[in-house]
Each structure stands twice: as structure tokens, then as C-alpha cells.
Amino acid sequence: MVTKTSKAASGKIQIKWVRSAICTPEKHKLVVKGLGFTRLNQIVEREDTPSIRGMVKAIPRLVRIVEE
């Protein structure tokens, strides 16, 4: 029997880039790049750490946390 582990139990979160960084401050563009995004509507999986949560909180209108 195979057991599934939830994303929260494994310490990972999925983040989706939902809005373009055009006409945003340079710091916001650097945060998007720092999260590892390369194109719009991309979903990346990152460790659920306070630093990653802080980066997401800095640009809430550009990214969303994907719930599964």
C-alpha cells in the first residue's frame, strides 16, 4: 500500500506567477527572479520557510500560493 504525503507535511509550497512584473519596482522584479520564475503562469515548488513566505508576502499581487 502506497501512502501519499501532503505538501504541508513535506515542507513544500507551490507558488504560481499570475501577473506580469512590467511597471513594478525593480525590487519586485528581483523578488520574482529570486523565487525562480522564468515565465508567466509558471508554478514552482519551494521549501516552506519564513524567507520564502516573506518573499511571497512582498509581492502578493504578482504571485499566488497554489492550494491542492
Protein backbone atom coordinates (compact mmCIF):
# COMPACT_ATOMS: atom_id res chain seq x y z
CA MET A 1 0.00 0.00 0.00
CA VAL A 2 1.33 3.40 -1.02
CA THR A 3 0.68 6.35 1.26
CA LYS A 4 0.52 9.88 -0.01
CA THR A 5 2.25 12.68 1.84
CA SER A 6 0.69 16.11 1.79
CA LYS A 7 2.65 19.15 0.65
CA ALA A 8 2.38 20.72 4.10
CA ALA A 9 3.79 17.61 5.75
CA SER A 10 6.76 17.56 3.40
CA GLY A 11 7.51 21.26 3.97
CA LYS A 12 6.94 22.40 0.37
CA ILE A 13 4.68 25.05 -1.13
CA GLN A 14 3.75 25.63 -4.73
CA ILE A 15 3.78 29.22 -5.97
CA LYS A 16 2.30 30.47 -9.24
CA TRP A 17 3.32 33.67 -11.04
CA VAL A 18 -0.01 35.20 -12.10
CA ARG A 19 0.70 38.83 -13.06
CA SER A 20 3.41 40.46 -15.13
CA ALA A 21 6.22 42.37 -13.44
CA ILE A 22 6.19 45.12 -16.07
CA CYS A 23 5.84 48.57 -14.44
CA THR A 24 6.69 47.24 -11.00
CA PRO A 25 9.59 48.46 -8.88
CA GLU A 26 12.97 46.89 -9.56
CA LYS A 27 12.92 45.23 -6.12
CA HIS A 28 9.73 43.36 -7.03
CA LYS A 29 11.31 42.11 -10.26
CA LEU A 30 14.28 40.84 -8.27
CA VAL A 31 11.99 39.00 -5.84
CA VAL A 32 10.22 37.27 -8.76
CA LYS A 33 13.60 36.24 -10.16
CA GLY A 34 14.76 35.13 -6.72
CA LEU A 35 11.79 32.80 -6.40
CA GLY A 36 12.95 31.11 -9.60
CA PHE A 37 10.30 32.20 -12.07
CA THR A 38 11.21 32.43 -15.75
CA ARG A 39 7.79 32.88 -17.40
CA LEU A 40 4.26 33.97 -16.57
CA ASN A 41 1.78 31.34 -15.25
CA GLN A 42 4.66 29.12 -14.18
CA ILE A 43 4.34 27.07 -10.98
CA VAL A 44 7.44 26.45 -8.87
CA GLU A 45 7.81 24.33 -5.75
CA ARG A 46 9.89 25.77 -2.92
CA GLU A 47 10.67 24.88 0.68
CA ASP A 48 8.14 26.32 3.12
CA THR A 49 10.49 28.60 5.06
CA PRO A 50 9.95 32.05 6.59
CA SER A 51 12.24 33.61 3.97
CA ILE A 52 10.19 32.21 1.06
CA ARG A 53 6.94 33.25 2.78
CA GLY A 54 8.38 36.75 3.21
CA MET A 55 9.24 36.95 -0.49
CA VAL A 56 5.69 35.92 -1.41
CA LYS A 57 4.29 38.47 1.06
CA ALA A 58 6.39 41.21 -0.56
CA ILE A 59 4.68 40.74 -3.95
CA PRO A 60 1.14 39.45 -3.18
CA ARG A 61 -0.42 40.87 -6.35
CA LEU A 62 2.10 39.12 -8.62
CA VAL A 63 2.12 35.59 -7.18
CA ARG A 64 -0.30 33.17 -5.56
CA ILE A 65 0.21 30.11 -3.38
CA VAL A 66 -1.39 27.13 -5.13
CA GLU A 67 -3.70 25.07 -2.93
CA GLU A 68 -4.03 21.39 -3.77
